[in-house]
Amino acid sequence: MELVVALDLPQHDANLELARKIGRYPLWFKVGFRSYIRDGKALLKALKEINPDAKIFLDLKLYDIPNTMADAAEEIAALGVEMFNVHASAGKAAMQAVMQRLESFEKRPLVLAVTALTSFDDESFRAIYGAPIEQKASAFAVDAFESGLDGVVCSAFESAAIKEATNDRFITLTPGIRPFGEAAGDQTRVADIALAKAQQVDYIVVGRPAYKDPDPAAKVAAILEAIRA
């Protein structure tokens, strides 16, 4: 299991300061909508300067027609990030177009598909997708697997079932992790490290429990210790 820390702070300098505090640890930085729209490629460059060994997950959740998604995926791969994501609900044709476009890259990033956002509960998810979360998340995962993607973004509660429906090498990355039972905030399907381990999760994403802690470096160290335990 690997740790991904979300750089979701409202100021560019605050994100860089957090990265400096925790960058000595073996982890990934997640750069999402707000940070990338505000700071762009300059943030990615600054993170690599802080820690050349750090890996970056660009969390933009591409969703568009197949050719537009493939165009965007090509530009993302050229940025040199190690991971990005798309929405599985964009369909197999779109996911296949993305992977075909990346074939020209000698070293391409990992590509994950979002199954069900962790802010959904089953009722709100069913109202949009017409099926229970667990059922549809597995179906989306199979679509991504058959389209050649490396894995999916899901909650910890779907991870084991997704691996059973695909294979144990198919990556599951789970947002909304509250490592030691911290408050859920605006997430619904949250989990702690113990549950993530039991569900065979490969990557856990931690945001507020790390950056809102008075000592983010100590919190990250504790999370890594719990992962290794």
Protein backbone atom coordinates (compact mmCIF):
# COMPACT_ATOMS: atom_id res chain seq x y z
CA MET A 1 0.00 0.00 0.00
CA GLU A 2 1.24 3.50 -0.89
CA LEU A 3 0.31 6.89 0.53
CA VAL A 4 -1.01 9.76 -1.60
CA VAL A 5 -1.28 13.16 0.11
CA ALA A 6 -3.77 15.62 -1.36
CA LEU A 7 -2.44 19.13 -1.90
CA ASP A 8 -5.83 20.80 -1.58
CA LEU A 9 -4.91 23.96 0.32
CA PRO A 10 -6.33 27.29 -0.90
CA GLN A 11 -2.97 28.97 -1.53
CA HIS A 12 -0.10 27.99 -3.82
CA ASP A 13 2.51 28.77 -1.16
CA ALA A 14 0.65 26.75 1.47
CA ASN A 15 0.71 23.68 -0.78
CA LEU A 16 4.43 24.09 -1.36
CA GLU A 17 5.07 24.53 2.36
CA LEU A 18 3.15 21.32 3.07
CA ALA A 19 5.16 19.54 0.37
CA ARG A 20 8.41 20.72 1.98
CA LYS A 21 7.31 19.43 5.39
CA ILE A 22 6.39 15.95 4.18
CA GLY A 23 8.42 15.59 1.00
CA ARG A 24 11.21 13.60 2.62
CA TYR A 25 8.85 10.65 3.05
CA PRO A 26 8.13 8.06 0.32
CA LEU A 27 4.76 9.21 -0.95
CA TRP A 28 2.73 10.65 -3.81
CA PHE A 29 1.38 14.19 -4.14
CA LYS A 30 -2.17 14.53 -5.45
CA VAL A 31 -2.85 17.71 -7.39
CA GLY A 32 -6.55 18.30 -7.99
CA PHE A 33 -8.81 20.75 -9.80
CA ARG A 34 -8.38 23.83 -7.66
CA SER A 35 -4.62 23.60 -7.31
CA TYR A 36 -4.00 22.79 -10.98
CA ILE A 37 -6.40 25.40 -12.36
CA ARG A 38 -4.83 28.04 -10.13
CA ASP A 39 -1.16 27.06 -10.32
CA GLY A 40 -0.83 24.90 -13.44
CA LYS A 41 2.44 23.41 -14.60
CA ALA A 42 4.41 25.69 -12.27
CA LEU A 43 3.12 23.71 -9.28
CA LEU A 44 4.17 20.40 -10.80
CA LYS A 45 7.64 21.78 -11.53
CA ALA A 46 7.96 23.17 -7.99
CA LEU A 47 6.97 19.84 -6.43
CA LYS A 48 9.65 18.03 -8.42
CA GLU A 49 12.20 20.59 -7.28
CA ILE A 50 11.22 20.05 -3.66
CA ASN A 51 11.57 16.29 -4.00
CA PRO A 52 12.76 14.86 -7.34
CA ASP A 53 11.74 11.38 -6.16
CA ALA A 54 8.17 12.36 -5.33
CA LYS A 55 5.47 11.07 -7.65
CA ILE A 56 2.51 13.14 -8.80
CA PHE A 57 -1.09 12.05 -9.28
CA LEU A 58 -2.91 14.64 -11.42
CA ASP A 59 -6.52 14.27 -10.32
CA LEU A 60 -8.54 15.94 -13.10
CA LYS A 61 -11.09 13.17 -13.81
CA LEU A 62 -11.32 13.57 -17.58
CA TYR A 63 -14.83 13.21 -19.00
CA ASP A 64 -15.61 14.15 -22.61
CA ILE A 65 -15.96 12.62 -26.06
CA PRO A 66 -13.27 10.02 -26.87
CA ASN A 67 -11.04 12.16 -29.08
CA THR A 68 -11.07 15.10 -26.68
CA MET A 69 -10.19 12.83 -23.78
CA ALA A 70 -7.36 11.29 -25.81
CA ASP A 71 -6.05 14.78 -26.68
CA ALA A 72 -6.09 15.77 -23.02
CA ALA A 73 -4.46 12.51 -21.94
CA GLU A 74 -1.61 13.10 -24.39
CA GLU A 75 -1.01 16.59 -22.96
CA ILE A 76 -1.11 15.24 -19.39
CA ALA A 77 1.40 12.51 -20.21
CA ALA A 78 3.72 15.15 -21.68
CA LEU A 79 3.72 16.92 -18.29
CA GLY A 80 5.69 14.04 -16.79
CA VAL A 81 3.23 13.15 -14.04
CA GLU A 82 3.16 9.54 -12.87
CA MET A 83 -0.62 9.05 -12.65
CA PHE A 84 -3.88 10.64 -13.81
CA ASN A 85 -7.53 9.65 -14.01
CA VAL A 86 -10.62 9.64 -16.19
CA HIS A 87 -14.28 8.89 -15.53
CA ALA A 88 -15.25 5.30 -16.30
CA SER A 89 -18.75 6.54 -17.10
CA ALA A 90 -17.30 8.23 -20.19
CA GLY A 91 -17.44 4.72 -21.66
CA LYS A 92 -15.16 2.05 -23.03
CA ALA A 93 -14.62 3.83 -26.36
CA ALA A 94 -13.27 6.88 -24.55
CA MET A 95 -11.04 4.86 -22.23
CA GLN A 96 -9.70 2.84 -25.14
CA ALA A 97 -8.99 6.06 -27.07
CA VAL A 98 -6.98 7.37 -24.13
CA MET A 99 -4.88 4.24 -23.88
CA GLN A 100 -4.28 4.05 -27.63
CA ARG A 101 -3.09 7.66 -27.64
CA LEU A 102 -0.59 6.93 -24.90
CA GLU A 103 1.01 4.03 -26.78
CA SER A 104 3.58 6.39 -28.32
CA PHE A 105 5.02 7.30 -24.90
CA GLU A 106 8.06 5.28 -23.90
CA LYS A 107 7.13 5.76 -20.25
CA ARG A 108 3.47 6.64 -19.82
CA PRO A 109 1.69 7.52 -16.58
CA LEU A 110 -0.62 5.13 -14.81
CA VAL A 111 -4.23 5.70 -15.86
CA LEU A 112 -7.09 5.07 -13.44
CA ALA A 113 -10.85 5.30 -13.96
CA VAL A 114 -13.18 6.85 -11.40
CA THR A 115 -16.00 4.45 -10.57
CA ALA A 116 -18.17 6.13 -7.90
CA LEU A 117 -17.18 9.34 -6.15
CA THR A 118 -16.81 8.82 -2.41
CA SER A 119 -19.21 11.71 -1.73
CA PHE A 120 -22.10 9.53 -2.99
CA ASP A 121 -24.26 7.44 -0.71
CA ASP A 122 -26.18 4.57 -2.31
CA GLU A 123 -29.42 6.52 -2.71
CA SER A 124 -27.87 9.53 -4.47
CA PHE A 125 -25.73 7.27 -6.65
CA ARG A 126 -28.69 5.12 -7.67
CA ALA A 127 -30.68 8.25 -8.61
CA ILE A 128 -28.04 9.07 -11.25
CA TYR A 129 -26.73 5.68 -12.37
CA GLY A 130 -29.77 3.47 -11.77
CA ALA A 131 -27.90 0.78 -9.84
CA PRO A 132 -26.36 0.22 -6.38
CA ILE A 133 -22.83 1.55 -5.91
CA GLU A 134 -21.17 -1.84 -5.40
CA GLN A 135 -22.77 -3.33 -8.51
CA LYS A 136 -22.04 -0.39 -10.79
CA ALA A 137 -18.55 0.24 -9.42
CA SER A 138 -17.57 -3.33 -10.28
CA ALA A 139 -19.12 -3.00 -13.76
CA PHE A 140 -17.24 0.26 -14.36
CA ALA A 141 -14.04 -1.42 -13.14
CA VAL A 142 -14.48 -4.31 -15.57
CA ASP A 143 -14.97 -1.78 -18.39
CA ALA A 144 -11.73 -0.04 -17.38
CA PHE A 145 -9.87 -3.33 -17.08
CA GLU A 146 -11.05 -4.47 -20.51
CA SER A 147 -10.08 -1.06 -21.94
CA GLY A 148 -6.47 -1.51 -20.82
CA LEU A 149 -6.36 0.93 -17.91
CA ASP A 150 -4.15 0.28 -14.89
CA GLY A 151 -6.82 0.53 -12.22
CA VAL A 152 -9.68 2.48 -10.71
CA VAL A 153 -10.55 5.07 -8.12
CA CYS A 154 -13.12 3.66 -5.72
CA SER A 155 -13.96 3.60 -2.03
CA ALA A 156 -12.33 1.01 0.17
CA PHE A 157 -15.67 -0.78 0.41
CA GLU A 158 -15.57 -1.76 -3.29
CA SER A 159 -11.87 -2.59 -3.58
CA ALA A 160 -11.87 -6.33 -2.85
CA ALA A 161 -14.90 -6.97 -5.06
CA ILE A 162 -13.26 -5.03 -7.90
CA LYS A 163 -10.09 -7.09 -7.64
CA GLU A 164 -12.18 -10.25 -7.68
CA ALA A 165 -13.96 -9.05 -10.83
CA THR A 166 -10.66 -8.11 -12.55
CA ASN A 167 -7.41 -9.39 -11.01
CA ASP A 168 -5.26 -8.71 -7.98
CA ARG A 169 -2.81 -6.59 -9.98
CA PHE A 170 -5.52 -4.15 -11.07
CA ILE A 171 -4.89 -1.03 -8.99
CA THR A 172 -7.42 0.35 -6.53
CA LEU A 173 -6.90 3.87 -5.22
CA THR A 174 -9.22 5.08 -2.49
CA PRO A 175 -9.94 8.71 -1.55
CA GLY A 176 -11.67 9.67 1.65
CA ILE A 177 -9.27 7.83 3.92
CA ARG A 178 -9.48 8.86 7.56
CA PRO A 179 -6.39 6.99 8.81
CA PHE A 180 -7.26 6.85 12.48
CA GLY A 181 -11.01 7.53 12.44
CA GLU A 182 -10.94 11.29 11.88
CA ALA A 183 -14.14 13.20 10.95
CA ALA A 184 -15.60 12.31 7.55
CA GLY A 185 -16.24 15.92 6.47
CA ASP A 186 -17.92 16.08 3.04
CA GLN A 187 -17.11 12.45 2.21
CA THR A 188 -19.63 9.65 2.75
CA ARG A 189 -17.91 6.30 2.17
CA VAL A 190 -14.80 6.83 4.29
CA ALA A 191 -12.49 4.18 5.71
CA ASP A 192 -9.51 3.86 8.01
CA ILE A 193 -6.19 2.16 7.24
CA ALA A 194 -7.23 -1.16 8.77
CA LEU A 195 -10.28 -1.42 6.50
CA ALA A 196 -8.25 -0.34 3.46
CA LYS A 197 -5.74 -3.11 4.18
CA ALA A 198 -8.48 -5.68 4.61
CA GLN A 199 -9.96 -4.62 1.27
CA GLN A 200 -6.59 -4.96 -0.53
CA VAL A 201 -6.34 -1.26 -1.42
CA ASP A 202 -3.14 -0.31 -3.27
CA TYR A 203 -3.11 3.47 -2.77
CA ILE A 204 -4.79 5.52 -0.05
CA VAL A 205 -5.46 9.25 -0.44
CA VAL A 206 -5.25 11.38 2.68
CA GLY A 207 -6.08 15.07 2.62
CA ARG A 208 -7.46 16.98 5.59
CA PRO A 209 -6.23 14.55 8.27
CA ALA A 210 -2.69 15.38 7.09
CA TYR A 211 -2.76 19.05 6.14
CA LYS A 212 -5.01 20.14 9.02
CA ASP A 213 -2.84 18.42 11.60
CA PRO A 214 -0.64 20.78 13.65
CA ASP A 215 2.34 18.62 12.66
CA PRO A 216 1.72 17.22 9.16
CA ALA A 217 5.13 15.54 9.02
CA ALA A 218 4.45 13.60 12.23
CA LYS A 219 0.99 12.64 10.95
CA VAL A 220 2.43 11.37 7.66
CA ALA A 221 5.08 9.40 9.56
CA ALA A 222 2.36 7.81 11.71
CA ILE A 223 0.30 6.91 8.64
CA LEU A 224 3.30 5.30 6.94
CA GLU A 225 4.08 3.34 10.08
CA ALA A 226 0.48 2.10 10.23
CA ILE A 227 0.65 1.10 6.56
CA ARG A 228 3.79 -0.95 7.18
CA ALA A 229 2.49 -2.56 10.40
